[in-house]
Amino acid sequence: MPFLRSSCPKILKAPAKIHEPPYPADIFPNGTDLNSPYGTIHYYEFGPEDGKKLLLIHGISTPSPAWSLIAPDLIKAGYRILCFDLFGRGYSDSPQVTHDAALFVSQITLLLAHLPQWDKFDLCGMSLGGSIASYFAHYYPHRVDRLVLMCPAGGTPNAELRPAIKIIRSYLMPNWLLRRLLRFLPLLPTPPKGSLIWWQAEYHPGYRFSFTSSLQDGPLFNSQEIHRAVVRHFGSRVRIIWGDKDDVVPMNTAKHFGQIDLAVIPGAGHFMVLTHPEATVQHMLDFLGSRR
C-alpha cells in the first residue's frame, strides 16, 4: 500500500565519481564508500600508518576538498588523516531525515565502528564541523585526545539570532518551502558556475535538502552550552582558531565558549583553510605538535 511507513529512511544517492575538478574522487588516497543505514559514507584515510591519528570534519557546504591545501603539511608533520563527506555532501548519500547534531554524531560513530584502529585520535572541525566536533567530544570524551575548532559554529544563542534566521529555524518554515525560496530568491550568494558548491547543487540530488535541513536543524546556533562543557572538560587540550575578518561566524561569538585558547589569523575570513592554509596549519601544529 502506498501510504504505509518504511522501516528505513528514503535515501538520495550521491553523484557518480568524477576525476576532474571541482571534486576529483582521487583528490586524496584510499577513497572508500562505506554502506550504512543512512546511505553511503565516502571517506579517505591516508598518511603514515604509524602516524598520530587526526580526524577532520568539514563545514556545511564544502566536503573533503576543503582540506586539500592543509592535508599535505599535516602528513609531512607525521599525521594519519581520516576525513569524510557529511551526509548529502560530496560523494556521501543524503538520507531524508532531520540533519541535526544526533545524525552527524551518529555518522561519525558509524564510520569509526568500521575503523576499529581509530580508537583514540585528535579531532578537528571547521564551521558546522567545529560544532559537530564539540558534540562528539562531549558524548565520547574518551575517544578524543586533543580538539581543534576552526571558526566553530554554534556559539550564537537563540536570543541573538537575526529575525530571518529565527524564521528559517522555526516550524513556520517547512524544508520544502525553504528549498524553493533558496532556489528562486537571492537569500544566499550564488556560487560561481564550476565551483564545488555549484557542482553539488547541480549534480547531488540530496545536496539542497541536506544543506537546508542542516541550516534549520543542525548545530549551527544555540550550542554554546555544549561548547562550554567541552572547553571545561578538555581544558588545555582545546584550541580554537579564528580569522579576525570572519563575517560568516564572527569571532565575537567566542565569548560564549568560556575561557579558551584562541589563536587568531589576521586578515583571514571564514574560509581560512583555503585563503590562509600556511597560517592555519602552523596554529594547528603549534598546538598538536609535529609527529616527525
Foldseek 3Di string as FASTA:
>chain_A
DVPDDDPAFDKFAFFDADCDPPCHQVLDPDWDWDQDSQFTKTKDKDADPPFAEEEEEEDLFAADCLQSLQVVVQRVLRYTYMGIGFDLADRTMHGLDQPALVNRLVVVVVVCVVVVVQQAHAYEYAALGLLSRLVNCLVCVVRYDFYEYELYAQLAAPVPDDPVLVCLQDPVQDLVNVLVCVVPPPPDDDDDPRHRSNCSVVGRPRNSSSSSSCSRHYSRYRNLVSLQVSCVVNPLRYEYEYECAAPVRHPVSCVSNPDHHYHYDYPDYRSCCVVPVVVVNVVVCVRVPRPD
